[in-house]
Amino acid sequence: MTEKTNNWRTMATSRGTSAYGPQRIVCLTEEPTEWLYMLGEEWRIVGISGYTVRPPRAREEKPKVSAFLSAKIDKIIDLKPDCVIGFSDLQADIATQLVKKGIQVTIFN
């Protein structure tokens, strides 16, 4: 992201940028981690779920910041994510805490 903007939504719709979308993603569940690795976008991931087993190298490469129903909120904040991706309304409490800290959260259900 440039110094002019740290808003990934603005950047994603701007012409002339080389990187689109969120640059620092925390994945609260295994599935988005697996998707991003399959797409070759693992460099965007800054934190993963402690339950992540696929792909195996993710456990070695990325810090573990959550279980399914709990998360290390302070550790997530320290990673300075511009997006947190989760799954299930069961993670609503985690999402609420992060949103209150100004972090963009997307929960799929």
PDB file of N, CA and C in Angstrom:
ATOM      1  N   MET A   1       0.834  -1.179   0.000  1.00  0.00           N
ATOM      2  CA  MET A   1       0.000   0.000   0.000  1.00  0.00           C
ATOM      3  C   MET A   1       0.875   1.238   0.000  1.00  0.00           C
ATOM      4  N   THR A   2       0.354   2.270  -0.525  1.00  0.00           N
ATOM      5  CA  THR A   2       1.117   3.505  -0.605  1.00  0.00           C
ATOM      6  C   THR A   2       0.932   4.325   0.659  1.00  0.00           C
ATOM      7  N   GLU A   3       1.755   5.358   0.783  1.00  0.00           N
ATOM      8  CA  GLU A   3       1.599   6.259   1.925  1.00  0.00           C
ATOM      9  C   GLU A   3       0.302   7.048   1.821  1.00  0.00           C
ATOM     10  N   LYS A   4      -0.194   7.214   0.596  1.00  0.00           N
ATOM     11  CA  LYS A   4      -1.400   8.003   0.399  1.00  0.00           C
ATOM     12  C   LYS A   4      -2.631   7.331   1.000  1.00  0.00           C
ATOM     13  N   THR A   5      -2.653   5.992   0.964  1.00  0.00           N
ATOM     14  CA  THR A   5      -3.825   5.299   1.468  1.00  0.00           C
ATOM     15  C   THR A   5      -3.439   3.999   2.143  1.00  0.00           C
ATOM     16  N   ASN A   6      -4.101   3.698   3.226  1.00  0.00           N
ATOM     17  CA  ASN A   6      -3.937   2.395   3.844  1.00  0.00           C
ATOM     18  C   ASN A   6      -5.275   1.665   3.839  1.00  0.00           C
ATOM     19  N   ASN A   7      -6.221   2.159   3.064  1.00  0.00           N
ATOM     20  CA  ASN A   7      -7.530   1.549   2.943  1.00  0.00           C
ATOM     21  C   ASN A   7      -7.509   0.595   1.757  1.00  0.00           C
ATOM     22  N   TRP A   8      -7.548  -0.711   2.026  1.00  0.00           N
ATOM     23  CA  TRP A   8      -7.422  -1.685   0.945  1.00  0.00           C
ATOM     24  C   TRP A   8      -8.590  -1.639  -0.018  1.00  0.00           C
ATOM     25  N   ARG A   9      -9.766  -1.211   0.444  1.00  0.00           N
ATOM     26  CA  ARG A   9     -10.898  -1.110  -0.488  1.00  0.00           C
ATOM     27  C   ARG A   9     -10.641  -0.028  -1.531  1.00  0.00           C
ATOM     28  N   THR A  10     -10.107   1.107  -1.087  1.00  0.00           N
ATOM     29  CA  THR A  10      -9.770   2.178  -2.019  1.00  0.00           C
ATOM     30  C   THR A  10      -8.702   1.701  -2.981  1.00  0.00           C
ATOM     31  N   MET A  11      -7.698   1.053  -2.443  1.00  0.00           N
ATOM     32  CA  MET A  11      -6.601   0.576  -3.271  1.00  0.00           C
ATOM     33  C   MET A  11      -7.069  -0.460  -4.291  1.00  0.00           C
ATOM     34  N   ALA A  12      -7.982  -1.330  -3.892  1.00  0.00           N
ATOM     35  CA  ALA A  12      -8.449  -2.391  -4.777  1.00  0.00           C
ATOM     36  C   ALA A  12      -9.189  -1.840  -5.986  1.00  0.00           C
ATOM     37  N   THR A  13      -9.760  -0.652  -5.840  1.00  0.00           N
ATOM     38  CA  THR A  13     -10.504  -0.079  -6.953  1.00  0.00           C
ATOM     39  C   THR A  13      -9.721   1.004  -7.687  1.00  0.00           C
ATOM     40  N   SER A  14      -8.488   1.247  -7.259  1.00  0.00           N
ATOM     41  CA  SER A  14      -7.659   2.274  -7.887  1.00  0.00           C
ATOM     42  C   SER A  14      -6.898   1.704  -9.074  1.00  0.00           C
ATOM     43  N   ARG A  15      -6.787   2.483 -10.102  1.00  0.00           N
ATOM     44  CA  ARG A  15      -5.984   2.072 -11.254  1.00  0.00           C
ATOM     45  C   ARG A  15      -4.524   2.363 -10.977  1.00  0.00           C
ATOM     46  N   GLY A  16      -3.666   1.571 -11.587  1.00  0.00           N
ATOM     47  CA  GLY A  16      -2.242   1.831 -11.465  1.00  0.00           C
ATOM     48  C   GLY A  16      -1.598   1.240 -10.232  1.00  0.00           C
ATOM     49  N   THR A  17      -2.325   0.433  -9.478  1.00  0.00           N
ATOM     50  CA  THR A  17      -1.708  -0.219  -8.326  1.00  0.00           C
ATOM     51  C   THR A  17      -1.308  -1.629  -8.717  1.00  0.00           C
ATOM     52  N   SER A  18      -0.217  -2.100  -8.162  1.00  0.00           N
ATOM     53  CA  SER A  18       0.273  -3.423  -8.534  1.00  0.00           C
ATOM     54  C   SER A  18      -0.294  -4.526  -7.650  1.00  0.00           C
ATOM     55  N   ALA A  19      -0.820  -4.181  -6.517  1.00  0.00           N
ATOM     56  CA  ALA A  19      -1.378  -5.190  -5.620  1.00  0.00           C
ATOM     57  C   ALA A  19      -2.816  -4.819  -5.286  1.00  0.00           C
ATOM     58  N   TYR A  20      -3.701  -5.782  -5.395  1.00  0.00           N
ATOM     59  CA  TYR A  20      -5.110  -5.535  -5.131  1.00  0.00           C
ATOM     60  C   TYR A  20      -5.547  -6.259  -3.874  1.00  0.00           C
ATOM     61  N   GLY A  21      -6.504  -5.683  -3.205  1.00  0.00           N
ATOM     62  CA  GLY A  21      -7.080  -6.335  -2.047  1.00  0.00           C
ATOM     63  C   GLY A  21      -6.217  -6.241  -0.808  1.00  0.00           C
ATOM     64  N   PRO A  22      -6.653  -6.918   0.238  1.00  0.00           N
ATOM     65  CA  PRO A  22      -5.926  -6.877   1.500  1.00  0.00           C
ATOM     66  C   PRO A  22      -4.520  -7.444   1.359  1.00  0.00           C
ATOM     67  N   GLN A  23      -3.591  -6.835   2.042  1.00  0.00           N
ATOM     68  CA  GLN A  23      -2.190  -7.251   1.971  1.00  0.00           C
ATOM     69  C   GLN A  23      -1.764  -8.043   3.202  1.00  0.00           C
ATOM     70  N   ARG A  24      -2.476  -7.867   4.319  1.00  0.00           N
ATOM     71  CA  ARG A  24      -2.115  -8.535   5.584  1.00  0.00           C
ATOM     72  C   ARG A  24      -3.381  -9.195   6.137  1.00  0.00           C
ATOM     73  N   ILE A  25      -3.489 -10.499   5.914  1.00  0.00           N
ATOM     74  CA  ILE A  25      -4.707 -11.235   6.249  1.00  0.00           C
ATOM     75  C   ILE A  25      -4.459 -12.192   7.412  1.00  0.00           C
ATOM     76  N   VAL A  26      -5.379 -12.188   8.360  1.00  0.00           N
ATOM     77  CA  VAL A  26      -5.404 -13.205   9.408  1.00  0.00           C
ATOM     78  C   VAL A  26      -6.560 -14.142   9.081  1.00  0.00           C
ATOM     79  N   CYS A  27      -6.277 -15.438   9.054  1.00  0.00           N
ATOM     80  CA  CYS A  27      -7.287 -16.458   8.771  1.00  0.00           C
ATOM     81  C   CYS A  27      -7.647 -17.164  10.073  1.00  0.00           C
ATOM     82  N   LEU A  28      -8.885 -17.014  10.512  1.00  0.00           N
ATOM     83  CA  LEU A  28      -9.319 -17.614  11.771  1.00  0.00           C
ATOM     84  C   LEU A  28      -9.653 -19.095  11.632  1.00  0.00           C
ATOM     85  N   THR A  29      -9.753 -19.582  10.406  1.00  0.00           N
ATOM     86  CA  THR A  29     -10.020 -21.000  10.162  1.00  0.00           C
ATOM     87  C   THR A  29      -9.112 -21.495   9.045  1.00  0.00           C
ATOM     88  N   GLU A  30      -9.078 -22.799   8.890  1.00  0.00           N
ATOM     89  CA  GLU A  30      -8.169 -23.428   7.934  1.00  0.00           C
ATOM     90  C   GLU A  30      -8.507 -23.134   6.470  1.00  0.00           C
ATOM     91  N   GLU A  31      -9.785 -23.070   6.144  1.00  0.00           N
ATOM     92  CA  GLU A  31     -10.186 -22.979   4.743  1.00  0.00           C
ATOM     93  C   GLU A  31      -9.614 -21.775   4.001  1.00  0.00           C
ATOM     94  N   PRO A  32      -9.726 -20.549   4.538  1.00  0.00           N
ATOM     95  CA  PRO A  32      -9.148 -19.433   3.784  1.00  0.00           C
ATOM     96  C   PRO A  32      -7.631 -19.537   3.652  1.00  0.00           C
ATOM     97  N   THR A  33      -6.986 -20.118   4.654  1.00  0.00           N
ATOM     98  CA  THR A  33      -5.538 -20.335   4.558  1.00  0.00           C
ATOM     99  C   THR A  33      -5.243 -21.250   3.384  1.00  0.00           C
ATOM    100  N   GLU A  34      -5.973 -22.343   3.304  1.00  0.00           N
ATOM    101  CA  GLU A  34      -5.779 -23.306   2.219  1.00  0.00           C
ATOM    102  C   GLU A  34      -6.051 -22.658   0.859  1.00  0.00           C
ATOM    103  N   TRP A  35      -7.110 -21.875   0.758  1.00  0.00           N
ATOM    104  CA  TRP A  35      -7.441 -21.211  -0.509  1.00  0.00           C
ATOM    105  C   TRP A  35      -6.321 -20.275  -0.951  1.00  0.00           C
ATOM    106  N   LEU A  36      -5.857 -19.455  -0.018  1.00  0.00           N
ATOM    107  CA  LEU A  36      -4.812 -18.489  -0.373  1.00  0.00           C
ATOM    108  C   LEU A  36      -3.522 -19.185  -0.796  1.00  0.00           C
ATOM    109  N   TYR A  37      -3.161 -20.277  -0.140  1.00  0.00           N
ATOM    110  CA  TYR A  37      -1.983 -21.044  -0.566  1.00  0.00           C
ATOM    111  C   TYR A  37      -2.195 -21.626  -1.962  1.00  0.00           C
ATOM    112  N   MET A  38      -3.377 -22.182  -2.218  1.00  0.00           N
ATOM    113  CA  MET A  38      -3.647 -22.761  -3.543  1.00  0.00           C
ATOM    114  C   MET A  38      -3.571 -21.705  -4.637  1.00  0.00           C
ATOM    115  N   LEU A  39      -3.952 -20.486  -4.313  1.00  0.00           N
ATOM    116  CA  LEU A  39      -3.920 -19.390  -5.287  1.00  0.00           C
ATOM    117  C   LEU A  39      -2.547 -18.738  -5.405  1.00  0.00           C
ATOM    118  N   GLY A  40      -1.591 -19.200  -4.603  1.00  0.00           N
ATOM    119  CA  GLY A  40      -0.253 -18.608  -4.628  1.00  0.00           C
ATOM    120  C   GLY A  40      -0.187 -17.267  -3.927  1.00  0.00           C
ATOM    121  N   GLU A  41      -1.134 -16.994  -3.049  1.00  0.00           N
ATOM    122  CA  GLU A  41      -1.221 -15.707  -2.355  1.00  0.00           C
ATOM    123  C   GLU A  41      -0.885 -15.833  -0.872  1.00  0.00           C
ATOM    124  N   GLU A  42      -0.138 -16.871  -0.509  1.00  0.00           N
ATOM    125  CA  GLU A  42       0.178 -17.101   0.904  1.00  0.00           C
ATOM    126  C   GLU A  42       0.982 -15.974   1.527  1.00  0.00           C
ATOM    127  N   TRP A  43       1.657 -15.190   0.703  1.00  0.00           N
ATOM    128  CA  TRP A  43       2.439 -14.060   1.215  1.00  0.00           C
ATOM    129  C   TRP A  43       1.555 -13.026   1.908  1.00  0.00           C
ATOM    130  N   ARG A  44       0.263 -13.039   1.614  1.00  0.00           N
ATOM    131  CA  ARG A  44      -0.664 -12.093   2.237  1.00  0.00           C
ATOM    132  C   ARG A  44      -1.031 -12.496   3.673  1.00  0.00           C
ATOM    133  N   ILE A  45      -0.866 -13.764   4.014  1.00  0.00           N
ATOM    134  CA  ILE A  45      -1.296 -14.283   5.314  1.00  0.00           C
ATOM    135  C   ILE A  45      -0.278 -13.925   6.391  1.00  0.00           C
ATOM    136  N   VAL A  46      -0.761 -13.309   7.470  1.00  0.00           N
ATOM    137  CA  VAL A  46       0.132 -12.965   8.587  1.00  0.00           C
ATOM    138  C   VAL A  46      -0.200 -13.737   9.857  1.00  0.00           C
ATOM    139  N   GLY A  47      -1.318 -14.464   9.874  1.00  0.00           N
ATOM    140  CA  GLY A  47      -1.689 -15.259  11.039  1.00  0.00           C
ATOM    141  C   GLY A  47      -2.713 -16.307  10.657  1.00  0.00           C
ATOM    142  N   ILE A  48      -2.653 -17.470  11.348  1.00  0.00           N
ATOM    143  CA  ILE A  48      -3.556 -18.575  11.028  1.00  0.00           C
ATOM    144  C   ILE A  48      -4.152 -19.176  12.300  1.00  0.00           C
ATOM    145  N   SER A  49      -5.121 -20.056  12.096  1.00  0.00           N
ATOM    146  CA  SER A  49      -5.716 -20.813  13.190  1.00  0.00           C
ATOM    147  C   SER A  49      -4.747 -21.886  13.663  1.00  0.00           C
ATOM    148  N   GLY A  50      -4.757 -22.145  14.948  1.00  0.00           N
ATOM    149  CA  GLY A  50      -3.948 -23.224  15.500  1.00  0.00           C
ATOM    150  C   GLY A  50      -4.404 -24.591  15.032  1.00  0.00           C
ATOM    151  N   TYR A  51      -5.600 -24.672  14.467  1.00  0.00           N
ATOM    152  CA  TYR A  51      -6.120 -25.935  13.951  1.00  0.00           C
ATOM    153  C   TYR A  51      -5.759 -26.169  12.488  1.00  0.00           C
ATOM    154  N   THR A  52      -5.071 -25.248  11.880  1.00  0.00           N
ATOM    155  CA  THR A  52      -4.703 -25.401  10.472  1.00  0.00           C
ATOM    156  C   THR A  52      -3.747 -26.576  10.299  1.00  0.00           C
ATOM    157  N   VAL A  53      -4.107 -27.480   9.389  1.00  0.00           N
ATOM    158  CA  VAL A  53      -3.215 -28.594   9.044  1.00  0.00           C
ATOM    159  C   VAL A  53      -2.927 -28.638   7.542  1.00  0.00           C
ATOM    160  N   ARG A  54      -3.709 -27.911   6.757  1.00  0.00           N
ATOM    161  CA  ARG A  54      -3.497 -27.860   5.308  1.00  0.00           C
ATOM    162  C   ARG A  54      -3.306 -26.416   4.887  1.00  0.00           C
ATOM    163  N   PRO A  55      -2.324 -26.155   4.098  1.00  0.00           N
ATOM    164  CA  PRO A  55      -1.224 -27.047   3.749  1.00  0.00           C
ATOM    165  C   PRO A  55      -0.276 -27.194   4.943  1.00  0.00           C
ATOM    166  N   PRO A  56       0.432 -28.315   5.029  1.00  0.00           N
ATOM    167  CA  PRO A  56       1.293 -28.558   6.185  1.00  0.00           C
ATOM    168  C   PRO A  56       2.323 -27.452   6.426  1.00  0.00           C
ATOM    169  N   ARG A  57       2.844 -26.861   5.364  1.00  0.00           N
ATOM    170  CA  ARG A  57       3.889 -25.849   5.559  1.00  0.00           C
ATOM    171  C   ARG A  57       3.364 -24.570   6.212  1.00  0.00           C
ATOM    172  N   ALA A  58       2.054 -24.340   6.156  1.00  0.00           N
ATOM    173  CA  ALA A  58       1.483 -23.141   6.786  1.00  0.00           C
ATOM    174  C   ALA A  58       1.768 -23.135   8.286  1.00  0.00           C
ATOM    175  N   ARG A  59       1.717 -24.302   8.918  1.00  0.00           N
ATOM    176  CA  ARG A  59       1.976 -24.391  10.365  1.00  0.00           C
ATOM    177  C   ARG A  59       3.398 -23.983  10.711  1.00  0.00           C
ATOM    178  N   GLU A  60       4.310 -24.174   9.779  1.00  0.00           N
ATOM    179  CA  GLU A  60       5.707 -23.812  10.011  1.00  0.00           C
ATOM    180  C   GLU A  60       5.980 -22.348   9.676  1.00  0.00           C
ATOM    181  N   GLU A  61       5.225 -21.822   8.725  1.00  0.00           N
ATOM    182  CA  GLU A  61       5.515 -20.488   8.193  1.00  0.00           C
ATOM    183  C   GLU A  61       4.762 -19.345   8.872  1.00  0.00           C
ATOM    184  N   LYS A  62       3.611 -19.635   9.451  1.00  0.00           N
ATOM    185  CA  LYS A  62       2.737 -18.559   9.939  1.00  0.00           C
ATOM    186  C   LYS A  62       2.465 -18.690  11.436  1.00  0.00           C
ATOM    187  N   PRO A  63       2.362 -17.552  12.137  1.00  0.00           N
ATOM    188  CA  PRO A  63       2.024 -17.614  13.561  1.00  0.00           C
ATOM    189  C   PRO A  63       0.571 -18.048  13.775  1.00  0.00           C
ATOM    190  N   LYS A  64       0.347 -18.808  14.806  1.00  0.00           N
ATOM    191  CA  LYS A  64      -0.989 -19.287  15.142  1.00  0.00           C
ATOM    192  C   LYS A  64      -1.621 -18.299  16.126  1.00  0.00           C
ATOM    193  N   VAL A  65      -2.783 -17.776  15.751  1.00  0.00           N
ATOM    194  CA  VAL A  65      -3.398 -16.716  16.550  1.00  0.00           C
ATOM    195  C   VAL A  65      -4.805 -17.034  17.038  1.00  0.00           C
ATOM    196  N   SER A  66      -5.334 -18.206  16.664  1.00  0.00           N
ATOM    197  CA  SER A  66      -6.701 -18.502  17.085  1.00  0.00           C
ATOM    198  C   SER A  66      -6.950 -19.999  17.162  1.00  0.00           C
ATOM    199  N   ALA A  67      -7.987 -20.333  17.929  1.00  0.00           N
ATOM    200  CA  ALA A  67      -8.620 -21.642  17.880  1.00  0.00           C
ATOM    201  C   ALA A  67      -9.959 -21.358  17.198  1.00  0.00           C
ATOM    202  N   PHE A  68     -10.864 -22.296  17.160  1.00  0.00           N
ATOM    203  CA  PHE A  68     -12.101 -22.006  16.444  1.00  0.00           C
ATOM    204  C   PHE A  68     -12.970 -20.994  17.182  1.00  0.00           C
ATOM    205  N   LEU A  69     -13.071 -21.125  18.495  1.00  0.00           N
ATOM    206  CA  LEU A  69     -13.958 -20.245  19.259  1.00  0.00           C
ATOM    207  C   LEU A  69     -13.230 -19.214  20.103  1.00  0.00           C
ATOM    208  N   SER A  70     -11.927 -19.162  19.984  1.00  0.00           N
ATOM    209  CA  SER A  70     -11.166 -18.174  20.750  1.00  0.00           C
ATOM    210  C   SER A  70     -10.022 -17.648  19.895  1.00  0.00           C
ATOM    211  N   ALA A  71      -9.524 -16.493  20.279  1.00  0.00           N
ATOM    212  CA  ALA A  71      -8.425 -15.888  19.524  1.00  0.00           C
ATOM    213  C   ALA A  71      -7.573 -15.047  20.457  1.00  0.00           C
ATOM    214  N   LYS A  72      -6.332 -14.900  20.082  1.00  0.00           N
ATOM    215  CA  LYS A  72      -5.407 -14.030  20.808  1.00  0.00           C
ATOM    216  C   LYS A  72      -5.549 -12.634  20.206  1.00  0.00           C
ATOM    217  N   ILE A  73      -6.520 -11.900  20.703  1.00  0.00           N
ATOM    218  CA  ILE A  73      -6.875 -10.598  20.126  1.00  0.00           C
ATOM    219  C   ILE A  73      -5.670  -9.665  20.079  1.00  0.00           C
ATOM    220  N   ASP A  74      -4.926  -9.572  21.165  1.00  0.00           N
ATOM    221  CA  ASP A  74      -3.757  -8.681  21.185  1.00  0.00           C
ATOM    222  C   ASP A  74      -2.718  -9.089  20.147  1.00  0.00           C
ATOM    223  N   LYS A  75      -2.516 -10.387  19.985  1.00  0.00           N
ATOM    224  CA  LYS A  75      -1.551 -10.865  18.995  1.00  0.00           C
ATOM    225  C   LYS A  75      -2.019 -10.531  17.578  1.00  0.00           C
ATOM    226  N   ILE A  76      -3.325 -10.682  17.336  1.00  0.00           N
ATOM    227  CA  ILE A  76      -3.872 -10.329  16.020  1.00  0.00           C
ATOM    228  C   ILE A  76      -3.664  -8.841  15.758  1.00  0.00           C
ATOM    229  N   ILE A  77      -3.964  -8.007  16.719  1.00  0.00           N
ATOM    230  CA  ILE A  77      -3.786  -6.557  16.564  1.00  0.00           C
ATOM    231  C   ILE A  77      -2.324  -6.229  16.283  1.00  0.00           C
ATOM    232  N   ASP A  78      -1.406  -6.895  16.983  1.00  0.00           N
ATOM    233  CA  ASP A  78       0.031  -6.666  16.770  1.00  0.00           C
ATOM    234  C   ASP A  78       0.473  -7.008  15.348  1.00  0.00           C
ATOM    235  N   LEU A  79      -0.237  -7.926  14.691  1.00  0.00           N
ATOM    236  CA  LEU A  79       0.105  -8.309  13.312  1.00  0.00           C
ATOM    237  C   LEU A  79      -0.345  -7.258  12.293  1.00  0.00           C
ATOM    238  N   LYS A  80      -1.132  -6.286  12.741  1.00  0.00           N
ATOM    239  CA  LYS A  80      -1.621  -5.185  11.904  1.00  0.00           C
ATOM    240  C   LYS A  80      -2.317  -5.677  10.619  1.00  0.00           C
ATOM    241  N   PRO A  81      -3.313  -6.561  10.775  1.00  0.00           N
ATOM    242  CA  PRO A  81      -4.012  -7.044   9.578  1.00  0.00           C
ATOM    243  C   PRO A  81      -4.910  -5.961   8.995  1.00  0.00           C
ATOM    244  N   ASP A  82      -5.067  -5.979   7.680  1.00  0.00           N
ATOM    245  CA  ASP A  82      -6.069  -5.102   7.085  1.00  0.00           C
ATOM    246  C   ASP A  82      -7.339  -5.888   6.781  1.00  0.00           C
ATOM    247  N   CYS A  83      -7.318  -7.194   7.067  1.00  0.00           N
ATOM    248  CA  CYS A  83      -8.505  -8.017   6.900  1.00  0.00           C
ATOM    249  C   CYS A  83      -8.358  -9.287   7.732  1.00  0.00           C
ATOM    250  N   VAL A  84      -9.425  -9.677   8.392  1.00  0.00           N
ATOM    251  CA  VAL A  84      -9.479 -10.947   9.114  1.00  0.00           C
ATOM    252  C   VAL A  84     -10.625 -11.738   8.503  1.00  0.00           C
ATOM    253  N   ILE A  85     -10.349 -12.999   8.159  1.00  0.00           N
ATOM    254  CA  ILE A  85     -11.359 -13.853   7.538  1.00  0.00           C
ATOM    255  C   ILE A  85     -11.677 -15.003   8.480  1.00  0.00           C
ATOM    256  N   GLY A  86     -12.977 -15.204   8.722  1.00  0.00           N
ATOM    257  CA  GLY A  86     -13.412 -16.296   9.574  1.00  0.00           C
ATOM    258  C   GLY A  86     -14.566 -17.044   8.948  1.00  0.00           C
ATOM    259  N   PHE A  87     -15.039 -18.038   9.681  1.00  0.00           N
ATOM    260  CA  PHE A  87     -16.147 -18.845   9.200  1.00  0.00           C
ATOM    261  C   PHE A  87     -17.058 -19.160  10.372  1.00  0.00           C
ATOM    262  N   SER A  88     -18.313 -18.933  10.202  1.00  0.00           N
ATOM    263  CA  SER A  88     -19.351 -19.299  11.154  1.00  0.00           C
ATOM    264  C   SER A  88     -19.698 -18.156  12.099  1.00  0.00           C
ATOM    265  N   ASP A  89     -20.980 -18.058  12.351  1.00  0.00           N
ATOM    266  CA  ASP A  89     -21.440 -17.062  13.312  1.00  0.00           C
ATOM    267  C   ASP A  89     -20.972 -17.402  14.723  1.00  0.00           C
ATOM    268  N   LEU A  90     -20.415 -18.592  14.906  1.00  0.00           N
ATOM    269  CA  LEU A  90     -19.841 -18.947  16.204  1.00  0.00           C
ATOM    270  C   LEU A  90     -18.614 -18.095  16.523  1.00  0.00           C
ATOM    271  N   GLN A  91     -18.043 -17.462  15.505  1.00  0.00           N
ATOM    272  CA  GLN A  91     -16.888 -16.583  15.710  1.00  0.00           C
ATOM    273  C   GLN A  91     -17.300 -15.119  15.833  1.00  0.00           C
ATOM    274  N   ALA A  92     -18.581 -14.881  16.053  1.00  0.00           N
ATOM    275  CA  ALA A  92     -19.090 -13.508  16.142  1.00  0.00           C
ATOM    276  C   ALA A  92     -18.447 -12.718  17.278  1.00  0.00           C
ATOM    277  N   ASP A  93     -18.191 -13.357  18.406  1.00  0.00           N
ATOM    278  CA  ASP A  93     -17.565 -12.638  19.526  1.00  0.00           C
ATOM    279  C   ASP A  93     -16.154 -12.181  19.168  1.00  0.00           C
ATOM    280  N   ILE A  94     -15.417 -13.036  18.485  1.00  0.00           N
ATOM    281  CA  ILE A  94     -14.070 -12.658  18.029  1.00  0.00           C
ATOM    282  C   ILE A  94     -14.179 -11.485  17.065  1.00  0.00           C
ATOM    283  N   ALA A  95     -15.095 -11.607  16.101  1.00  0.00           N
ATOM    284  CA  ALA A  95     -15.280 -10.554  15.101  1.00  0.00           C
ATOM    285  C   ALA A  95     -15.641  -9.231  15.761  1.00  0.00           C
ATOM    286  N   THR A  96     -16.533  -9.267  16.727  1.00  0.00           N
ATOM    287  CA  THR A  96     -16.957  -8.048  17.419  1.00  0.00           C
ATOM    288  C   THR A  96     -15.784  -7.349  18.091  1.00  0.00           C
ATOM    289  N   GLN A  97     -14.955  -8.119  18.777  1.00  0.00           N
ATOM    290  CA  GLN A  97     -13.790  -7.531  19.451  1.00  0.00           C
ATOM    291  C   GLN A  97     -12.846  -6.867  18.451  1.00  0.00           C
ATOM    292  N   LEU A  98     -12.637  -7.515  17.314  1.00  0.00           N
ATOM    293  CA  LEU A  98     -11.717  -6.967  16.311  1.00  0.00           C
ATOM    294  C   LEU A  98     -12.299  -5.735  15.623  1.00  0.00           C
ATOM    295  N   VAL A  99     -13.590  -5.781  15.313  1.00  0.00           N
ATOM    296  CA  VAL A  99     -14.241  -4.623  14.686  1.00  0.00           C
ATOM    297  C   VAL A  99     -14.162  -3.411  15.610  1.00  0.00           C
ATOM    298  N   LYS A 100     -14.341  -3.625  16.905  1.00  0.00           N
ATOM    299  CA  LYS A 100     -14.233  -2.523  17.869  1.00  0.00           C
ATOM    300  C   LYS A 100     -12.835  -1.915  17.884  1.00  0.00           C
ATOM    301  N   LYS A 101     -11.850  -2.677  17.452  1.00  0.00           N
ATOM    302  CA  LYS A 101     -10.466  -2.185  17.367  1.00  0.00           C
ATOM    303  C   LYS A 101     -10.166  -1.592  15.990  1.00  0.00           C
ATOM    304  N   GLY A 102     -11.196  -1.521  15.128  1.00  0.00           N
ATOM    305  CA  GLY A 102     -11.030  -0.902  13.822  1.00  0.00           C
ATOM    306  C   GLY A 102     -10.516  -1.826  12.733  1.00  0.00           C
ATOM    307  N   ILE A 103     -10.614  -3.124  12.943  1.00  0.00           N
ATOM    308  CA  ILE A 103     -10.115  -4.089  11.965  1.00  0.00           C
ATOM    309  C   ILE A 103     -11.269  -4.606  11.115  1.00  0.00           C
ATOM    310  N   GLN A 104     -11.064  -4.660   9.805  1.00  0.00           N
ATOM    311  CA  GLN A 104     -12.050  -5.208   8.872  1.00  0.00           C
ATOM    312  C   GLN A 104     -12.141  -6.718   9.082  1.00  0.00           C
ATOM    313  N   VAL A 105     -13.346  -7.231   9.321  1.00  0.00           N
ATOM    314  CA  VAL A 105     -13.556  -8.665   9.521  1.00  0.00           C
ATOM    315  C   VAL A 105     -14.631  -9.144   8.557  1.00  0.00           C
ATOM    316  N   THR A 106     -14.371 -10.269   7.908  1.00  0.00           N
ATOM    317  CA  THR A 106     -15.355 -10.905   7.038  1.00  0.00           C
ATOM    318  C   THR A 106     -15.570 -12.322   7.552  1.00  0.00           C
ATOM    319  N   ILE A 107     -16.816 -12.633   7.899  1.00  0.00           N
ATOM    320  CA  ILE A 107     -17.163 -13.965   8.386  1.00  0.00           C
ATOM    321  C   ILE A 107     -18.110 -14.607   7.379  1.00  0.00           C
ATOM    322  N   PHE A 108     -17.739 -15.782   6.904  1.00  0.00           N
ATOM    323  CA  PHE A 108     -18.593 -16.547   5.997  1.00  0.00           C
ATOM    324  C   PHE A 108     -19.356 -17.572   6.813  1.00  0.00           C
ATOM    325  N   ASN A 109     -20.556 -17.903   6.372  1.00  0.00           N
ATOM    326  CA  ASN A 109     -21.349 -18.873   7.114  1.00  0.00           C
ATOM    327  C   ASN A 109     -21.969 -19.878   6.183  1.00  0.00           C
TER     328      ASN A 109
END
